[in-house]
PDB file of N, CA and C in Angstrom:
ATOM      1  N   MET A   1      96.069 147.486 146.991  1.00  0.00           N
ATOM      2  CA  MET A   1      94.795 148.018 147.444  1.00  0.00           C
ATOM      3  C   MET A   1      93.707 147.526 146.491  1.00  0.00           C
ATOM      4  N   ASP A   2      92.706 146.820 147.026  1.00  0.00           N
ATOM      5  CA  ASP A   2      91.604 146.345 146.204  1.00  0.00           C
ATOM      6  C   ASP A   2      90.612 147.468 145.940  1.00  0.00           C
ATOM      7  N   THR A   3      90.236 147.581 144.693  1.00  0.00           N
ATOM      8  CA  THR A   3      89.231 148.546 144.274  1.00  0.00           C
ATOM      9  C   THR A   3      87.962 147.789 143.909  1.00  0.00           C
ATOM     10  N   VAL A   4      86.831 148.350 144.280  1.00  0.00           N
ATOM     11  CA  VAL A   4      85.532 147.795 143.923  1.00  0.00           C
ATOM     12  C   VAL A   4      84.755 148.871 143.175  1.00  0.00           C
ATOM     13  N   VAL A   5      84.123 148.471 142.080  1.00  0.00           N
ATOM     14  CA  VAL A   5      83.274 149.378 141.316  1.00  0.00           C
ATOM     15  C   VAL A   5      81.827 149.074 141.690  1.00  0.00           C
ATOM     16  N   LEU A   6      81.083 150.116 141.988  1.00  0.00           N
ATOM     17  CA  LEU A   6      79.675 149.996 142.368  1.00  0.00           C
ATOM     18  C   LEU A   6      78.828 150.566 141.236  1.00  0.00           C
ATOM     19  N   VAL A   7      77.947 149.738 140.681  1.00  0.00           N
ATOM     20  CA  VAL A   7      77.105 150.136 139.552  1.00  0.00           C
ATOM     21  C   VAL A   7      75.660 150.212 140.036  1.00  0.00           C
ATOM     22  N   THR A   8      75.075 151.407 139.981  1.00  0.00           N
ATOM     23  CA  THR A   8      73.725 151.618 140.489  1.00  0.00           C
ATOM     24  C   THR A   8      72.726 151.994 139.392  1.00  0.00           C
ATOM     25  N   ARG A   9      73.201 152.058 138.142  1.00  0.00           N
ATOM     26  CA  ARG A   9      72.334 152.471 137.036  1.00  0.00           C
ATOM     27  C   ARG A   9      72.426 151.476 135.891  1.00  0.00           C
ATOM     28  N   ASP A  10      71.409 151.480 135.043  1.00  0.00           N
ATOM     29  CA  ASP A  10      71.360 150.623 133.859  1.00  0.00           C
ATOM     30  C   ASP A  10      72.077 151.342 132.717  1.00  0.00           C
ATOM     31  N   GLY A  11      73.375 151.500 132.867  1.00  0.00           N
ATOM     32  CA  GLY A  11      74.193 152.237 131.908  1.00  0.00           C
ATOM     33  C   GLY A  11      75.159 153.125 132.668  1.00  0.00           C
ATOM     34  N   LEU A  12      75.994 153.830 131.945  1.00  0.00           N
ATOM     35  CA  LEU A  12      76.991 154.681 132.579  1.00  0.00           C
ATOM     36  C   LEU A  12      76.501 156.122 132.615  1.00  0.00           C
ATOM     37  N   GLY A  13      76.532 156.713 133.786  1.00  0.00           N
ATOM     38  CA  GLY A  13      76.196 158.125 133.930  1.00  0.00           C
ATOM     39  C   GLY A  13      74.724 158.393 134.171  1.00  0.00           C
ATOM     40  N   HIS A  14      74.439 159.662 134.394  1.00  0.00           N
ATOM     41  CA  HIS A  14      73.068 160.133 134.626  1.00  0.00           C
ATOM     42  C   HIS A  14      72.507 160.586 133.283  1.00  0.00           C
ATOM     43  N   ILE A  15      71.656 159.757 132.704  1.00  0.00           N
ATOM     44  CA  ILE A  15      71.093 160.066 131.393  1.00  0.00           C
ATOM     45  C   ILE A  15      69.583 159.872 131.421  1.00  0.00           C
ATOM     46  N   GLY A  16      68.916 160.487 130.479  1.00  0.00           N
ATOM     47  CA  GLY A  16      67.472 160.325 130.367  1.00  0.00           C
ATOM     48  C   GLY A  16      67.130 159.043 129.635  1.00  0.00           C
ATOM     49  N   PRO A  17      65.876 158.612 129.743  1.00  0.00           N
ATOM     50  CA  PRO A  17      65.442 157.370 129.083  1.00  0.00           C
ATOM     51  C   PRO A  17      65.693 157.385 127.576  1.00  0.00           C
ATOM     52  N   GLN A  18      65.607 158.557 126.966  1.00  0.00           N
ATOM     53  CA  GLN A  18      65.823 158.655 125.522  1.00  0.00           C
ATOM     54  C   GLN A  18      67.276 158.386 125.131  1.00  0.00           C
ATOM     55  N   ASP A  19      68.184 158.430 126.089  1.00  0.00           N
ATOM     56  CA  ASP A  19      69.610 158.231 125.817  1.00  0.00           C
ATOM     57  C   ASP A  19      70.140 156.922 126.394  1.00  0.00           C
ATOM     58  N   GLN A  20      69.260 155.970 126.685  1.00  0.00           N
ATOM     59  CA  GLN A  20      69.669 154.717 127.310  1.00  0.00           C
ATOM     60  C   GLN A  20      70.695 153.965 126.458  1.00  0.00           C
ATOM     61  N   THR A  21      70.525 153.961 125.152  1.00  0.00           N
ATOM     62  CA  THR A  21      71.474 153.280 124.271  1.00  0.00           C
ATOM     63  C   THR A  21      72.864 153.879 124.440  1.00  0.00           C
ATOM     64  N   PHE A  22      72.940 155.201 124.541  1.00  0.00           N
ATOM     65  CA  PHE A  22      74.229 155.863 124.741  1.00  0.00           C
ATOM     66  C   PHE A  22      74.837 155.468 126.091  1.00  0.00           C
ATOM     67  N   GLY A  23      74.013 155.380 127.130  1.00  0.00           N
ATOM     68  CA  GLY A  23      74.501 154.954 128.445  1.00  0.00           C
ATOM     69  C   GLY A  23      75.054 153.543 128.407  1.00  0.00           C
ATOM     70  N   HIS A  24      74.404 152.652 127.652  1.00  0.00           N
ATOM     71  CA  HIS A  24      74.899 151.280 127.491  1.00  0.00           C
ATOM     72  C   HIS A  24      76.215 151.269 126.724  1.00  0.00           C
ATOM     73  N   GLU A  25      76.310 152.077 125.670  1.00  0.00           N
ATOM     74  CA  GLU A  25      77.559 152.150 124.895  1.00  0.00           C
ATOM     75  C   GLU A  25      78.710 152.649 125.768  1.00  0.00           C
ATOM     76  N   MET A  26      78.428 153.637 126.608  1.00  0.00           N
ATOM     77  CA  MET A  26      79.480 154.177 127.471  1.00  0.00           C
ATOM     78  C   MET A  26      79.904 153.153 128.528  1.00  0.00           C
ATOM     79  N   PHE A  27      78.959 152.375 129.047  1.00  0.00           N
ATOM     80  CA  PHE A  27      79.312 151.325 130.002  1.00  0.00           C
ATOM     81  C   PHE A  27      80.200 150.287 129.324  1.00  0.00           C
ATOM     82  N   ASP A  28      79.884 149.944 128.083  1.00  0.00           N
ATOM     83  CA  ASP A  28      80.704 149.006 127.318  1.00  0.00           C
ATOM     84  C   ASP A  28      82.117 149.559 127.123  1.00  0.00           C
ATOM     85  N   ARG A  29      82.228 150.837 126.834  1.00  0.00           N
ATOM     86  CA  ARG A  29      83.557 151.467 126.693  1.00  0.00           C
ATOM     87  C   ARG A  29      84.319 151.416 128.016  1.00  0.00           C
ATOM     88  N   PHE A  30      83.595 151.638 129.110  1.00  0.00           N
ATOM     89  CA  PHE A  30      84.209 151.550 130.430  1.00  0.00           C
ATOM     90  C   PHE A  30      84.795 150.155 130.653  1.00  0.00           C
ATOM     91  N   LEU A  31      84.001 149.124 130.346  1.00  0.00           N
ATOM     92  CA  LEU A  31      84.473 147.745 130.528  1.00  0.00           C
ATOM     93  C   LEU A  31      85.691 147.454 129.653  1.00  0.00           C
ATOM     94  N   HIS A  32      85.660 147.896 128.411  1.00  0.00           N
ATOM     95  CA  HIS A  32      86.795 147.640 127.516  1.00  0.00           C
ATOM     96  C   HIS A  32      88.037 148.436 127.930  1.00  0.00           C
ATOM     97  N   SER A  33      87.845 149.567 128.549  1.00  0.00           N
ATOM     98  CA  SER A  33      88.985 150.314 129.091  1.00  0.00           C
ATOM     99  C   SER A  33      89.588 149.568 130.274  1.00  0.00           C
ATOM    100  N   LEU A  34      88.739 148.963 131.104  1.00  0.00           N
ATOM    101  CA  LEU A  34      89.235 148.143 132.215  1.00  0.00           C
ATOM    102  C   LEU A  34      90.012 146.938 131.700  1.00  0.00           C
ATOM    103  N   GLU A  35      89.509 146.353 130.636  1.00  0.00           N
ATOM    104  CA  GLU A  35      90.108 145.151 130.051  1.00  0.00           C
ATOM    105  C   GLU A  35      91.584 145.352 129.722  1.00  0.00           C
ATOM    106  N   SER A  36      91.932 146.531 129.260  1.00  0.00           N
ATOM    107  CA  SER A  36      93.304 146.780 128.814  1.00  0.00           C
ATOM    108  C   SER A  36      94.235 147.215 129.943  1.00  0.00           C
ATOM    109  N   ARG A  37      93.701 147.405 131.140  1.00  0.00           N
ATOM    110  CA  ARG A  37      94.526 147.862 132.264  1.00  0.00           C
ATOM    111  C   ARG A  37      95.074 146.682 133.062  1.00  0.00           C
ATOM    112  N   PRO A  38      96.293 146.818 133.554  1.00  0.00           N
ATOM    113  CA  PRO A  38      96.839 145.744 134.396  1.00  0.00           C
ATOM    114  C   PRO A  38      96.202 145.719 135.797  1.00  0.00           C
ATOM    115  N   ASP A  39      95.686 146.850 136.250  1.00  0.00           N
ATOM    116  CA  ASP A  39      95.118 146.971 137.596  1.00  0.00           C
ATOM    117  C   ASP A  39      93.592 146.953 137.527  1.00  0.00           C
ATOM    118  N   LYS A  40      93.032 145.763 137.547  1.00  0.00           N
ATOM    119  CA  LYS A  40      91.584 145.595 137.458  1.00  0.00           C
ATOM    120  C   LYS A  40      90.967 145.652 138.859  1.00  0.00           C
ATOM    121  N   PRO A  41      89.684 146.008 138.923  1.00  0.00           N
ATOM    122  CA  PRO A  41      89.034 145.978 140.244  1.00  0.00           C
ATOM    123  C   PRO A  41      88.896 144.545 140.736  1.00  0.00           C
ATOM    124  N   ALA A  42      88.808 144.397 142.038  1.00  0.00           N
ATOM    125  CA  ALA A  42      88.582 143.070 142.628  1.00  0.00           C
ATOM    126  C   ALA A  42      87.160 142.609 142.345  1.00  0.00           C
ATOM    127  N   ALA A  43      86.232 143.567 142.298  1.00  0.00           N
ATOM    128  CA  ALA A  43      84.826 143.222 142.099  1.00  0.00           C
ATOM    129  C   ALA A  43      84.074 144.384 141.471  1.00  0.00           C
ATOM    130  N   ILE A  44      82.981 144.044 140.808  1.00  0.00           N
ATOM    131  CA  ILE A  44      81.990 145.018 140.369  1.00  0.00           C
ATOM    132  C   ILE A  44      80.683 144.582 141.010  1.00  0.00           C
ATOM    133  N   CYS A  45      80.082 145.469 141.793  1.00  0.00           N
ATOM    134  CA  CYS A  45      78.837 145.173 142.489  1.00  0.00           C
ATOM    135  C   CYS A  45      77.697 145.944 141.827  1.00  0.00           C
ATOM    136  N   PHE A  46      76.584 145.257 141.622  1.00  0.00           N
ATOM    137  CA  PHE A  46      75.421 145.843 140.967  1.00  0.00           C
ATOM    138  C   PHE A  46      74.257 145.865 141.940  1.00  0.00           C
ATOM    139  N   TYR A  47      73.605 147.020 142.087  1.00  0.00           N
ATOM    140  CA  TYR A  47      72.335 147.056 142.805  1.00  0.00           C
ATOM    141  C   TYR A  47      71.430 148.101 142.197  1.00  0.00           C
ATOM    142  N   THR A  48      70.204 148.172 142.676  1.00  0.00           N
ATOM    143  CA  THR A  48      69.093 148.927 142.093  1.00  0.00           C
ATOM    144  C   THR A  48      69.070 148.687 140.577  1.00  0.00           C
ATOM    145  N   ASP A  49      68.933 149.726 139.758  1.00  0.00           N
ATOM    146  CA  ASP A  49      68.846 149.560 138.302  1.00  0.00           C
ATOM    147  C   ASP A  49      70.086 148.899 137.703  1.00  0.00           C
ATOM    148  N   GLY A  50      71.198 148.966 138.393  1.00  0.00           N
ATOM    149  CA  GLY A  50      72.440 148.392 137.880  1.00  0.00           C
ATOM    150  C   GLY A  50      72.373 146.902 137.626  1.00  0.00           C
ATOM    151  N   VAL A  51      71.521 146.181 138.364  1.00  0.00           N
ATOM    152  CA  VAL A  51      71.437 144.726 138.175  1.00  0.00           C
ATOM    153  C   VAL A  51      70.997 144.358 136.764  1.00  0.00           C
ATOM    154  N   LYS A  52      70.301 145.263 136.096  1.00  0.00           N
ATOM    155  CA  LYS A  52      69.806 144.986 134.741  1.00  0.00           C
ATOM    156  C   LYS A  52      70.945 144.742 133.756  1.00  0.00           C
ATOM    157  N   LEU A  53      72.113 145.305 134.039  1.00  0.00           N
ATOM    158  CA  LEU A  53      73.267 145.135 133.148  1.00  0.00           C
ATOM    159  C   LEU A  53      73.784 143.702 133.138  1.00  0.00           C
ATOM    160  N   ALA A  54      73.545 142.952 134.196  1.00  0.00           N
ATOM    161  CA  ALA A  54      74.041 141.569 134.302  1.00  0.00           C
ATOM    162  C   ALA A  54      73.003 140.536 133.877  1.00  0.00           C
ATOM    163  N   CYS A  55      71.887 140.997 133.326  1.00  0.00           N
ATOM    164  CA  CYS A  55      70.792 140.085 132.973  1.00  0.00           C
ATOM    165  C   CYS A  55      70.689 139.867 131.468  1.00  0.00           C
ATOM    166  N   ALA A  56      70.096 138.736 131.107  1.00  0.00           N
ATOM    167  CA  ALA A  56      69.896 138.370 129.708  1.00  0.00           C
ATOM    168  C   ALA A  56      69.273 139.536 128.950  1.00  0.00           C
ATOM    169  N   GLY A  57      69.785 139.767 127.756  1.00  0.00           N
ATOM    170  CA  GLY A  57      69.301 140.851 126.920  1.00  0.00           C
ATOM    171  C   GLY A  57      70.093 142.131 127.063  1.00  0.00           C
ATOM    172  N   SER A  58      70.923 142.217 128.088  1.00  0.00           N
ATOM    173  CA  SER A  58      71.737 143.415 128.274  1.00  0.00           C
ATOM    174  C   SER A  58      72.879 143.432 127.266  1.00  0.00           C
ATOM    175  N   PRO A  59      73.121 144.582 126.638  1.00  0.00           N
ATOM    176  CA  PRO A  59      74.245 144.671 125.714  1.00  0.00           C
ATOM    177  C   PRO A  59      75.600 144.600 126.424  1.00  0.00           C
ATOM    178  N   ALA A  60      75.600 144.659 127.748  1.00  0.00           N
ATOM    179  CA  ALA A  60      76.854 144.622 128.512  1.00  0.00           C
ATOM    180  C   ALA A  60      77.355 143.205 128.772  1.00  0.00           C
ATOM    181  N   ILE A  61      76.557 142.193 128.478  1.00  0.00           N
ATOM    182  CA  ILE A  61      76.924 140.810 128.816  1.00  0.00           C
ATOM    183  C   ILE A  61      78.281 140.394 128.247  1.00  0.00           C
ATOM    184  N   PRO A  62      78.568 140.590 126.962  1.00  0.00           N
ATOM    185  CA  PRO A  62      79.882 140.155 126.448  1.00  0.00           C
ATOM    186  C   PRO A  62      81.063 140.814 127.179  1.00  0.00           C
ATOM    187  N   GLY A  63      80.962 142.101 127.431  1.00  0.00           N
ATOM    188  CA  GLY A  63      82.037 142.798 128.147  1.00  0.00           C
ATOM    189  C   GLY A  63      82.171 142.319 129.578  1.00  0.00           C
ATOM    190  N   LEU A  64      81.037 142.078 130.236  1.00  0.00           N
ATOM    191  CA  LEU A  64      81.072 141.575 131.612  1.00  0.00           C
ATOM    192  C   LEU A  64      81.645 140.163 131.666  1.00  0.00           C
ATOM    193  N   GLN A  65      81.302 139.332 130.695  1.00  0.00           N
ATOM    194  CA  GLN A  65      81.860 137.975 130.658  1.00  0.00           C
ATOM    195  C   GLN A  65      83.374 138.031 130.494  1.00  0.00           C
ATOM    196  N   LEU A  66      83.841 138.930 129.660  1.00  0.00           N
ATOM    197  CA  LEU A  66      85.277 139.090 129.446  1.00  0.00           C
ATOM    198  C   LEU A  66      85.976 139.523 130.734  1.00  0.00           C
ATOM    199  N   ILE A  67      85.429 140.523 131.397  1.00  0.00           N
ATOM    200  CA  ILE A  67      86.010 141.027 132.652  1.00  0.00           C
ATOM    201  C   ILE A  67      85.972 139.947 133.734  1.00  0.00           C
ATOM    202  N   GLU A  68      84.876 139.212 133.807  1.00  0.00           N
ATOM    203  CA  GLU A  68      84.780 138.127 134.789  1.00  0.00           C
ATOM    204  C   GLU A  68      85.841 137.063 134.504  1.00  0.00           C
ATOM    205  N   GLY A  69      86.057 136.765 133.235  1.00  0.00           N
ATOM    206  CA  GLY A  69      87.076 135.797 132.842  1.00  0.00           C
ATOM    207  C   GLY A  69      88.487 136.242 133.200  1.00  0.00           C
ATOM    208  N   MET A  70      88.660 137.535 133.432  1.00  0.00           N
ATOM    209  CA  MET A  70      89.963 138.081 133.831  1.00  0.00           C
ATOM    210  C   MET A  70      90.108 138.139 135.342  1.00  0.00           C
ATOM    211  N   GLY A  71      89.137 137.545 136.054  1.00  0.00           N
ATOM    212  CA  GLY A  71      89.251 137.444 137.505  1.00  0.00           C
ATOM    213  C   GLY A  71      88.482 138.472 138.304  1.00  0.00           C
ATOM    214  N   VAL A  72      87.695 139.314 137.665  1.00  0.00           N
ATOM    215  CA  VAL A  72      86.914 140.312 138.391  1.00  0.00           C
ATOM    216  C   VAL A  72      85.608 139.656 138.848  1.00  0.00           C
ATOM    217  N   ARG A  73      85.331 139.735 140.114  1.00  0.00           N
ATOM    218  CA  ARG A  73      84.106 139.156 140.679  1.00  0.00           C
ATOM    219  C   ARG A  73      82.930 140.085 140.378  1.00  0.00           C
ATOM    220  N   LEU A  74      81.823 139.523 139.910  1.00  0.00           N
ATOM    221  CA  LEU A  74      80.620 140.290 139.596  1.00  0.00           C
ATOM    222  C   LEU A  74      79.503 139.862 140.539  1.00  0.00           C
ATOM    223  N   LEU A  75      78.973 140.811 141.314  1.00  0.00           N
ATOM    224  CA  LEU A  75      77.960 140.515 142.326  1.00  0.00           C
ATOM    225  C   LEU A  75      76.700 141.334 142.077  1.00  0.00           C
ATOM    226  N   SER A  76      75.569 140.657 141.908  1.00  0.00           N
ATOM    227  CA  SER A  76      74.279 141.337 141.733  1.00  0.00           C
ATOM    228  C   SER A  76      73.405 141.108 142.951  1.00  0.00           C
ATOM    229  N   CYS A  77      72.801 142.165 143.420  1.00  0.00           N
ATOM    230  CA  CYS A  77      71.951 142.125 144.612  1.00  0.00           C
ATOM    231  C   CYS A  77      70.678 141.320 144.359  1.00  0.00           C
ATOM    232  N   LYS A  78      70.474 140.272 145.173  1.00  0.00           N
ATOM    233  CA  LYS A  78      69.302 139.403 145.028  1.00  0.00           C
ATOM    234  C   LYS A  78      68.005 140.154 145.285  1.00  0.00           C
ATOM    235  N   THR A  79      67.974 141.011 146.282  1.00  0.00           N
ATOM    236  CA  THR A  79      66.762 141.772 146.580  1.00  0.00           C
ATOM    237  C   THR A  79      66.367 142.645 145.391  1.00  0.00           C
ATOM    238  N   CYS A  80      67.348 143.268 144.757  1.00  0.00           N
ATOM    239  CA  CYS A  80      67.082 144.120 143.599  1.00  0.00           C
ATOM    240  C   CYS A  80      66.611 143.280 142.414  1.00  0.00           C
ATOM    241  N   LEU A  81      67.253 142.139 142.204  1.00  0.00           N
ATOM    242  CA  LEU A  81      66.826 141.234 141.129  1.00  0.00           C
ATOM    243  C   LEU A  81      65.391 140.768 141.367  1.00  0.00           C
ATOM    244  N   ASP A  82      65.077 140.419 142.615  1.00  0.00           N
ATOM    245  CA  ASP A  82      63.712 139.994 142.952  1.00  0.00           C
ATOM    246  C   ASP A  82      62.716 141.123 142.675  1.00  0.00           C
ATOM    247  N   TYR A  83      63.078 142.344 143.061  1.00  0.00           N
ATOM    248  CA  TYR A  83      62.189 143.492 142.873  1.00  0.00           C
ATOM    249  C   TYR A  83      61.833 143.680 141.394  1.00  0.00           C
ATOM    250  N   PHE A  84      62.841 143.568 140.532  1.00  0.00           N
ATOM    251  CA  PHE A  84      62.616 143.749 139.095  1.00  0.00           C
ATOM    252  C   PHE A  84      62.184 142.447 138.399  1.00  0.00           C
ATOM    253  N   LYS A  85      62.001 141.372 139.188  1.00  0.00           N
ATOM    254  CA  LYS A  85      61.621 140.057 138.660  1.00  0.00           C
ATOM    255  C   LYS A  85      62.631 139.573 137.612  1.00  0.00           C
ATOM    256  N   LEU A  86      63.913 139.711 137.958  1.00  0.00           N
ATOM    257  CA  LEU A  86      65.002 139.342 137.043  1.00  0.00           C
ATOM    258  C   LEU A  86      65.885 138.223 137.576  1.00  0.00           C
ATOM    259  N   THR A  87      65.550 137.652 138.716  1.00  0.00           N
ATOM    260  CA  THR A  87      66.415 136.651 139.346  1.00  0.00           C
ATOM    261  C   THR A  87      66.739 135.497 138.402  1.00  0.00           C
ATOM    262  N   GLU A  88      65.769 135.073 137.630  1.00  0.00           N
ATOM    263  CA  GLU A  88      65.986 133.955 136.703  1.00  0.00           C
ATOM    264  C   GLU A  88      66.713 134.379 135.425  1.00  0.00           C
ATOM    265  N   ASN A  89      66.954 135.669 135.257  1.00  0.00           N
ATOM    266  CA  ASN A  89      67.545 136.190 134.019  1.00  0.00           C
ATOM    267  C   ASN A  89      69.021 136.552 134.144  1.00  0.00           C
ATOM    268  N   VAL A  90      69.622 136.330 135.301  1.00  0.00           N
ATOM    269  CA  VAL A  90      71.031 136.690 135.475  1.00  0.00           C
ATOM    270  C   VAL A  90      71.875 135.875 134.496  1.00  0.00           C
ATOM    271  N   ALA A  91      72.663 136.577 133.695  1.00  0.00           N
ATOM    272  CA  ALA A  91      73.439 135.929 132.639  1.00  0.00           C
ATOM    273  C   ALA A  91      74.931 135.879 132.930  1.00  0.00           C
ATOM    274  N   VAL A  92      75.373 136.643 133.920  1.00  0.00           N
ATOM    275  CA  VAL A  92      76.791 136.686 134.236  1.00  0.00           C
ATOM    276  C   VAL A  92      76.970 137.059 135.705  1.00  0.00           C
ATOM    277  N   GLY A  93      78.002 136.518 136.325  1.00  0.00           N
ATOM    278  CA  GLY A  93      78.306 136.850 137.708  1.00  0.00           C
ATOM    279  C   GLY A  93      77.501 136.038 138.707  1.00  0.00           C
ATOM    280  N   GLU A  94      77.531 136.510 139.950  1.00  0.00           N
ATOM    281  CA  GLU A  94      76.903 135.812 141.073  1.00  0.00           C
ATOM    282  C   GLU A  94      75.700 136.599 141.583  1.00  0.00           C
ATOM    283  N   ILE A  95      74.698 135.884 142.039  1.00  0.00           N
ATOM    284  CA  ILE A  95      73.605 136.504 142.783  1.00  0.00           C
ATOM    285  C   ILE A  95      74.080 136.569 144.229  1.00  0.00           C
ATOM    286  N   SER A  96      73.986 137.748 144.822  1.00  0.00           N
ATOM    287  CA  SER A  96      74.563 137.959 146.143  1.00  0.00           C
ATOM    288  C   SER A  96      73.581 138.686 147.055  1.00  0.00           C
ATOM    289  N   THR A  97      73.802 138.559 148.333  1.00  0.00           N
ATOM    290  CA  THR A  97      73.002 139.303 149.305  1.00  0.00           C
ATOM    291  C   THR A  97      73.581 140.706 149.471  1.00  0.00           C
ATOM    292  N   MET A  98      72.750 141.596 149.979  1.00  0.00           N
ATOM    293  CA  MET A  98      73.248 142.939 150.270  1.00  0.00           C
ATOM    294  C   MET A  98      74.316 142.857 151.360  1.00  0.00           C
ATOM    295  N   SER A  99      74.193 141.917 152.282  1.00  0.00           N
ATOM    296  CA  SER A  99      75.213 141.759 153.326  1.00  0.00           C
ATOM    297  C   SER A  99      76.577 141.444 152.719  1.00  0.00           C
ATOM    298  N   GLU A 100      76.613 140.568 151.722  1.00  0.00           N
ATOM    299  CA  GLU A 100      77.877 140.238 151.058  1.00  0.00           C
ATOM    300  C   GLU A 100      78.417 141.440 150.294  1.00  0.00           C
ATOM    301  N   ILE A 101      77.527 142.173 149.618  1.00  0.00           N
ATOM    302  CA  ILE A 101      77.969 143.364 148.882  1.00  0.00           C
ATOM    303  C   ILE A 101      78.543 144.396 149.850  1.00  0.00           C
ATOM    304  N   VAL A 102      77.880 144.605 150.978  1.00  0.00           N
ATOM    305  CA  VAL A 102      78.390 145.547 151.987  1.00  0.00           C
ATOM    306  C   VAL A 102      79.755 145.088 152.492  1.00  0.00           C
ATOM    307  N   LYS A 103      79.918 143.817 152.735  1.00  0.00           N
ATOM    308  CA  LYS A 103      81.204 143.272 153.184  1.00  0.00           C
ATOM    309  C   LYS A 103      82.300 143.567 152.152  1.00  0.00           C
ATOM    310  N   VAL A 104      82.009 143.314 150.882  1.00  0.00           N
ATOM    311  CA  VAL A 104      82.989 143.568 149.818  1.00  0.00           C
ATOM    312  C   VAL A 104      83.336 145.063 149.760  1.00  0.00           C
ATOM    313  N   LEU A 105      82.327 145.926 149.880  1.00  0.00           N
ATOM    314  CA  LEU A 105      82.570 147.366 149.844  1.00  0.00           C
ATOM    315  C   LEU A 105      83.409 147.828 151.034  1.00  0.00           C
ATOM    316  N   LEU A 106      83.093 147.316 152.223  1.00  0.00           N
ATOM    317  CA  LEU A 106      83.819 147.746 153.422  1.00  0.00           C
ATOM    318  C   LEU A 106      85.256 147.234 153.449  1.00  0.00           C
ATOM    319  N   GLU A 107      85.508 146.097 152.820  1.00  0.00           N
ATOM    320  CA  GLU A 107      86.859 145.549 152.782  1.00  0.00           C
ATOM    321  C   GLU A 107      87.706 146.142 151.660  1.00  0.00           C
ATOM    322  N   ALA A 108      87.080 146.894 150.753  1.00  0.00           N
ATOM    323  CA  ALA A 108      87.804 147.491 149.629  1.00  0.00           C
ATOM    324  C   ALA A 108      88.684 148.643 150.101  1.00  0.00           C
ATOM    325  N   GLY A 109      89.799 148.804 149.442  1.00  0.00           N
ATOM    326  CA  GLY A 109      90.651 149.958 149.711  1.00  0.00           C
ATOM    327  C   GLY A 109      90.054 151.215 149.110  1.00  0.00           C
ATOM    328  N   LYS A 110      89.305 151.032 147.995  1.00  0.00           N
ATOM    329  CA  LYS A 110      88.692 152.148 147.301  1.00  0.00           C
ATOM    330  C   LYS A 110      87.413 151.659 146.617  1.00  0.00           C
ATOM    331  N   VAL A 111      86.358 152.489 146.678  1.00  0.00           N
ATOM    332  CA  VAL A 111      85.103 152.183 145.988  1.00  0.00           C
ATOM    333  C   VAL A 111      84.835 153.291 144.983  1.00  0.00           C
ATOM    334  N   ILE A 112      84.564 152.897 143.750  1.00  0.00           N
ATOM    335  CA  ILE A 112      84.243 153.841 142.683  1.00  0.00           C
ATOM    336  C   ILE A 112      82.801 153.590 142.288  1.00  0.00           C
ATOM    337  N   THR A 113      81.948 154.598 142.411  1.00  0.00           N
ATOM    338  CA  THR A 113      80.543 154.469 142.022  1.00  0.00           C
ATOM    339  C   THR A 113      80.365 155.074 140.639  1.00  0.00           C
ATOM    340  N   ILE A 114      79.762 154.257 139.743  1.00  0.00           N
ATOM    341  CA  ILE A 114      79.509 154.768 138.397  1.00  0.00           C
ATOM    342  C   ILE A 114      78.034 154.646 138.066  1.00  0.00           C
TER     343      ILE A 114
END
């Protein structure tokens, strides 16, 4: 069963702006926990604020590069990147359409939103 992780925030969990560093640290811990598991997700999809994690300057880049190197597909929504003017800043993964992200989500056996 393929699992897909859906990332909608710039960090892990619902946190205030004053705790953004903590949200980034927790997302990094999440990625490193995935790294050690034999059952990795088929894909991690990023939209809305989540696309910021895949862009230059994000502290999540090293962990995302590692996970991508282990075969996990990383998809960032082009419309969201365009909205935040980050399309040229994507540092890891693929720029994707919302149609492709929806296809990946619908074909997944399980979707986990973080």
